[in-house]
C-alpha atoms as a PDB file:
ATOM      1  CA  MET A   1       0.000   0.000   0.000  1.00  0.00           C
ATOM      2  CA  ASN A   2       1.216   3.435  -0.866  1.00  0.00           C
ATOM      3  CA  GLU A   3       1.863   5.540   2.228  1.00  0.00           C
ATOM      4  CA  ILE A   4       2.086   8.841   0.332  1.00  0.00           C
ATOM      5  CA  PRO A   5      -1.192  10.791   0.123  1.00  0.00           C
ATOM      6  CA  LEU A   6      -2.507  10.811  -3.430  1.00  0.00           C
ATOM      7  CA  GLU A   7      -2.471  14.626  -3.581  1.00  0.00           C
ATOM      8  CA  GLU A   8       1.269  14.577  -2.869  1.00  0.00           C
ATOM      9  CA  LEU A   9       2.003  11.588  -5.103  1.00  0.00           C
ATOM     10  CA  LEU A  10       0.487  13.363  -8.107  1.00  0.00           C
ATOM     11  CA  THR A  11       3.102  16.125  -7.765  1.00  0.00           C
ATOM     12  CA  GLN A  12       6.030  13.695  -8.077  1.00  0.00           C
ATOM     13  CA  ALA A  13       7.396  13.560 -11.618  1.00  0.00           C
ATOM     14  CA  GLU A  14       9.613  10.571 -10.871  1.00  0.00           C
ATOM     15  CA  ASN A  15       6.577   8.402 -10.110  1.00  0.00           C
ATOM     16  CA  ALA A  16       4.385   9.620 -12.968  1.00  0.00           C
ATOM     17  CA  GLY A  17       3.479   7.410 -15.890  1.00  0.00           C
ATOM     18  CA  VAL A  18       0.612   5.483 -17.433  1.00  0.00           C
ATOM     19  CA  PHE A  19      -1.493   3.351 -15.105  1.00  0.00           C
ATOM     20  CA  PHE A  20      -4.616   1.195 -15.114  1.00  0.00           C
ATOM     21  CA  VAL A  21      -6.979   1.863 -12.209  1.00  0.00           C
ATOM     22  CA  THR A  22     -10.570   1.196 -11.186  1.00  0.00           C
ATOM     23  CA  GLY A  23     -13.440   3.577 -11.772  1.00  0.00           C
ATOM     24  CA  ALA A  24     -13.448   4.460  -8.064  1.00  0.00           C
ATOM     25  CA  ASP A  25      -9.750   5.300  -8.345  1.00  0.00           C
ATOM     26  CA  LEU A  26     -10.545   7.755 -11.153  1.00  0.00           C
ATOM     27  CA  GLU A  27     -12.872   9.616  -8.786  1.00  0.00           C
ATOM     28  CA  ALA A  28     -10.185   9.758  -6.100  1.00  0.00           C
ATOM     29  CA  ILE A  29      -7.634  11.005  -8.638  1.00  0.00           C
ATOM     30  CA  GLU A  30      -9.982  13.773  -9.752  1.00  0.00           C
ATOM     31  CA  LEU A  31     -10.503  14.889  -6.149  1.00  0.00           C
ATOM     32  CA  ALA A  32      -6.781  14.739  -5.400  1.00  0.00           C
ATOM     33  CA  SER A  33      -5.941  16.716  -8.522  1.00  0.00           C
ATOM     34  CA  GLN A  34      -8.027  19.584  -7.181  1.00  0.00           C
ATOM     35  CA  GLN A  35      -5.540  19.884  -4.304  1.00  0.00           C
ATOM     36  CA  ASN A  36      -2.660  20.887  -6.566  1.00  0.00           C
ATOM     37  CA  ASP A  37      -2.148  23.086  -9.588  1.00  0.00           C
ATOM     38  CA  ALA A  38      -2.074  20.267 -12.126  1.00  0.00           C
ATOM     39  CA  PHE A  39      -4.011  20.519 -15.352  1.00  0.00           C
ATOM     40  CA  TYR A  40      -6.740  17.849 -15.159  1.00  0.00           C
ATOM     41  CA  CYS A  41      -8.468  16.294 -18.162  1.00  0.00           C
ATOM     42  CA  PHE A  42     -11.224  13.653 -18.172  1.00  0.00           C
ATOM     43  CA  ILE A  43     -12.007  11.692 -21.341  1.00  0.00           C
ATOM     44  CA  ASP A  44     -14.748   9.087 -21.471  1.00  0.00           C
ATOM     45  CA  LEU A  45     -13.686   6.511 -24.039  1.00  0.00           C
ATOM     46  CA  GLN A  46     -17.221   5.125 -24.154  1.00  0.00           C
ATOM     47  CA  HIS A  47     -17.981   7.844 -26.694  1.00  0.00           C
ATOM     48  CA  CYS A  48     -14.880   7.266 -28.832  1.00  0.00           C
ATOM     49  CA  GLN A  49     -15.982   4.826 -31.499  1.00  0.00           C
ATOM     50  CA  SER A  50     -13.013   5.544 -33.790  1.00  0.00           C
ATOM     51  CA  LYS A  51      -9.484   6.920 -33.812  1.00  0.00           C
ATOM     52  CA  SER A  52     -10.892  10.147 -35.253  1.00  0.00           C
ATOM     53  CA  LEU A  53     -13.264  10.565 -32.302  1.00  0.00           C
ATOM     54  CA  LEU A  54     -10.438   9.741 -29.885  1.00  0.00           C
ATOM     55  CA  MET A  55      -8.300  12.467 -31.445  1.00  0.00           C
ATOM     56  CA  GLN A  56     -11.212  14.916 -31.205  1.00  0.00           C
ATOM     57  CA  ALA A  57     -11.725  14.060 -27.538  1.00  0.00           C
ATOM     58  CA  LEU A  58      -8.024  14.514 -26.787  1.00  0.00           C
ATOM     59  CA  ALA A  59      -7.870  17.786 -28.729  1.00  0.00           C
ATOM     60  CA  HIS A  60     -10.906  19.130 -26.891  1.00  0.00           C
ATOM     61  CA  GLY A  61      -9.892  17.871 -23.444  1.00  0.00           C
ATOM     62  CA  LEU A  62      -6.328  19.154 -23.724  1.00  0.00           C
ATOM     63  CA  ASN A  63      -7.311  22.416 -25.432  1.00  0.00           C
ATOM     64  CA  PHE A  64      -5.093  21.703 -28.425  1.00  0.00           C
ATOM     65  CA  PRO A  65      -4.647  24.639 -30.784  1.00  0.00           C
ATOM     66  CA  PRO A  66      -6.697  24.466 -34.016  1.00  0.00           C
ATOM     67  CA  SER A  67      -3.575  23.443 -35.942  1.00  0.00           C
ATOM     68  CA  PHE A  68      -3.632  19.957 -34.342  1.00  0.00           C
ATOM     69  CA  GLY A  69      -3.296  17.396 -37.134  1.00  0.00           C
ATOM     70  CA  SER A  70      -5.407  14.611 -35.547  1.00  0.00           C
ATOM     71  CA  ASN A  71      -2.859  11.844 -36.076  1.00  0.00           C
ATOM     72  CA  TRP A  72      -0.409   9.933 -33.880  1.00  0.00           C
ATOM     73  CA  ASP A  73       2.622  12.043 -34.796  1.00  0.00           C
ATOM     74  CA  ALA A  74       0.750  15.256 -34.074  1.00  0.00           C
ATOM     75  CA  LEU A  75      -0.476  13.862 -30.760  1.00  0.00           C
ATOM     76  CA  ALA A  76       3.081  12.965 -29.732  1.00  0.00           C
ATOM     77  CA  ASP A  77       4.281  16.432 -30.741  1.00  0.00           C
ATOM     78  CA  TYR A  78       1.530  18.280 -28.911  1.00  0.00           C
ATOM     79  CA  LEU A  79       1.906  16.195 -25.745  1.00  0.00           C
ATOM     80  CA  SER A  80       5.588  17.077 -25.640  1.00  0.00           C
ATOM     81  CA  ASP A  81       4.815  20.815 -25.502  1.00  0.00           C
ATOM     82  CA  LEU A  82       1.500  21.709 -23.749  1.00  0.00           C
ATOM     83  CA  SER A  83       2.761  25.270 -23.161  1.00  0.00           C
ATOM     84  CA  TRP A  84      -0.737  26.681 -23.833  1.00  0.00           C
ATOM     85  CA  LEU A  85      -2.004  24.958 -20.680  1.00  0.00           C
ATOM     86  CA  ALA A  86       0.213  27.093 -18.410  1.00  0.00           C
ATOM     87  CA  SER A  87       0.824  24.246 -15.980  1.00  0.00           C
ATOM     88  CA  ASP A  88       3.806  22.238 -14.789  1.00  0.00           C
ATOM     89  CA  ALA A  89       1.810  19.095 -14.037  1.00  0.00           C
ATOM     90  CA  PHE A  90      -0.702  17.157 -16.109  1.00  0.00           C
ATOM     91  CA  ILE A  91      -3.264  14.483 -15.291  1.00  0.00           C
ATOM     92  CA  ILE A  92      -5.352  12.752 -17.941  1.00  0.00           C
ATOM     93  CA  CYS A  93      -8.027  10.286 -16.834  1.00  0.00           C
ATOM     94  CA  PHE A  94      -9.664   7.962 -19.339  1.00  0.00           C
ATOM     95  CA  ALA A  95     -12.916   6.311 -18.277  1.00  0.00           C
ATOM     96  CA  ASN A  96     -14.176   3.097 -19.901  1.00  0.00           C
ATOM     97  CA  ALA A  97     -10.738   2.201 -21.259  1.00  0.00           C
ATOM     98  CA  ASN A  98     -11.806  -1.398 -21.778  1.00  0.00           C
ATOM     99  CA  LEU A  99     -14.386  -0.372 -24.397  1.00  0.00           C
ATOM    100  CA  TYR A 100     -11.886   1.425 -26.604  1.00  0.00           C
ATOM    101  CA  ARG A 101      -9.171  -1.187 -26.040  1.00  0.00           C
ATOM    102  CA  ASN A 102     -11.492  -4.043 -26.997  1.00  0.00           C
ATOM    103  CA  ALA A 103     -12.712  -2.297 -30.155  1.00  0.00           C
ATOM    104  CA  HIS A 104      -9.404  -0.733 -31.261  1.00  0.00           C
ATOM    105  CA  GLU A 105      -6.581  -2.799 -29.796  1.00  0.00           C
ATOM    106  CA  GLU A 106      -3.749  -1.489 -32.015  1.00  0.00           C
ATOM    107  CA  ASP A 107      -4.801   2.142 -31.638  1.00  0.00           C
ATOM    108  CA  PHE A 108      -5.049   1.633 -27.888  1.00  0.00           C
ATOM    109  CA  LYS A 109      -1.481   0.263 -27.769  1.00  0.00           C
ATOM    110  CA  THR A 110      -0.248   3.221 -29.803  1.00  0.00           C
ATOM    111  CA  LEU A 111      -2.007   5.649 -27.466  1.00  0.00           C
ATOM    112  CA  ILE A 112      -0.366   3.997 -24.447  1.00  0.00           C
ATOM    113  CA  GLU A 113       3.078   4.211 -26.087  1.00  0.00           C
ATOM    114  CA  ILE A 114       2.643   7.902 -26.906  1.00  0.00           C
ATOM    115  CA  LEU A 115       1.450   8.691 -23.384  1.00  0.00           C
ATOM    116  CA  GLU A 116       4.382   6.755 -21.884  1.00  0.00           C
ATOM    117  CA  GLU A 117       6.823   8.711 -24.060  1.00  0.00           C
ATOM    118  CA  ALA A 118       5.209  11.989 -23.032  1.00  0.00           C
ATOM    119  CA  SER A 119       5.336  11.069 -19.356  1.00  0.00           C
ATOM    120  CA  SER A 120       8.999  10.127 -19.608  1.00  0.00           C
ATOM    121  CA  SER A 121       9.835  13.357 -21.410  1.00  0.00           C
ATOM    122  CA  TRP A 122       7.983  15.484 -18.863  1.00  0.00           C
ATOM    123  CA  SER A 123       9.607  13.580 -15.999  1.00  0.00           C
ATOM    124  CA  GLU A 124      13.031  14.569 -17.350  1.00  0.00           C
ATOM    125  CA  GLN A 125      11.829  18.179 -17.081  1.00  0.00           C
ATOM    126  CA  LYS A 126      10.718  17.524 -13.471  1.00  0.00           C
ATOM    127  CA  SER A 127       7.059  17.930 -14.421  1.00  0.00           C
ATOM    128  CA  PRO A 128       4.607  15.128 -13.618  1.00  0.00           C
ATOM    129  CA  PHE A 129       2.535  13.813 -16.502  1.00  0.00           C
ATOM    130  CA  TRP A 130       0.050  11.146 -15.473  1.00  0.00           C
ATOM    131  CA  ALA A 131      -2.348   9.100 -17.576  1.00  0.00           C
ATOM    132  CA  PHE A 132      -4.874   6.866 -15.839  1.00  0.00           C
ATOM    133  CA  PHE A 133      -7.066   4.360 -17.646  1.00  0.00           C
ATOM    134  CA  GLY A 134     -10.165   3.305 -15.743  1.00  0.00           C
ATOM    135  CA  LEU A 135     -11.271  -0.302 -16.001  1.00  0.00           C
ATOM    136  CA  PRO A 136     -14.283  -2.072 -14.504  1.00  0.00           C
ATOM    137  CA  ASP A 137     -13.464  -3.550 -11.102  1.00  0.00           C
ATOM    138  CA  ASP A 138     -13.730  -7.167 -12.270  1.00  0.00           C
ATOM    139  CA  GLU A 139     -11.436  -6.593 -15.256  1.00  0.00           C
ATOM    140  CA  PHE A 140      -8.927  -4.752 -13.133  1.00  0.00           C
ATOM    141  CA  GLU A 141      -8.849  -7.639 -10.659  1.00  0.00           C
ATOM    142  CA  GLN A 142      -8.201 -10.104 -13.512  1.00  0.00           C
ATOM    143  CA  MET A 143      -5.256  -7.994 -14.689  1.00  0.00           C
ATOM    144  CA  GLN A 144      -3.742  -8.087 -11.202  1.00  0.00           C
ATOM    145  CA  VAL A 145      -3.805 -11.900 -11.131  1.00  0.00           C
ATOM    146  CA  GLU A 146      -2.213 -12.430 -14.553  1.00  0.00           C
END
């Protein structure tokens, strides 16, 4: 069990990354994010039936400039900058990750890779970049056993 309060943990760039959590954890993360100055973004993947809709949701949630190209390379580029958000810490929560992953497995893997790269890059700059993917409790428990 983690002994560090979630509010404090979310400020630590060295611990940031991409994680799978339960739906209840997403709620706790949202509440904890309100305790610091991190930029918080919530994206419900239930409504993303295609890569195009995923890109639109990311662009909207992260306030991407209109020049965003809506492709993987553009996403990687924009996540490495984020200067328009005027924050030194970033938290992205994805609800219903299992729905998008099950329907678009390769795109989901690519998204994870891009988010991991962004988190690593931001960590080197001493800025936490977190991405949390919410799974149903029963699916999350199965992942823990495997």
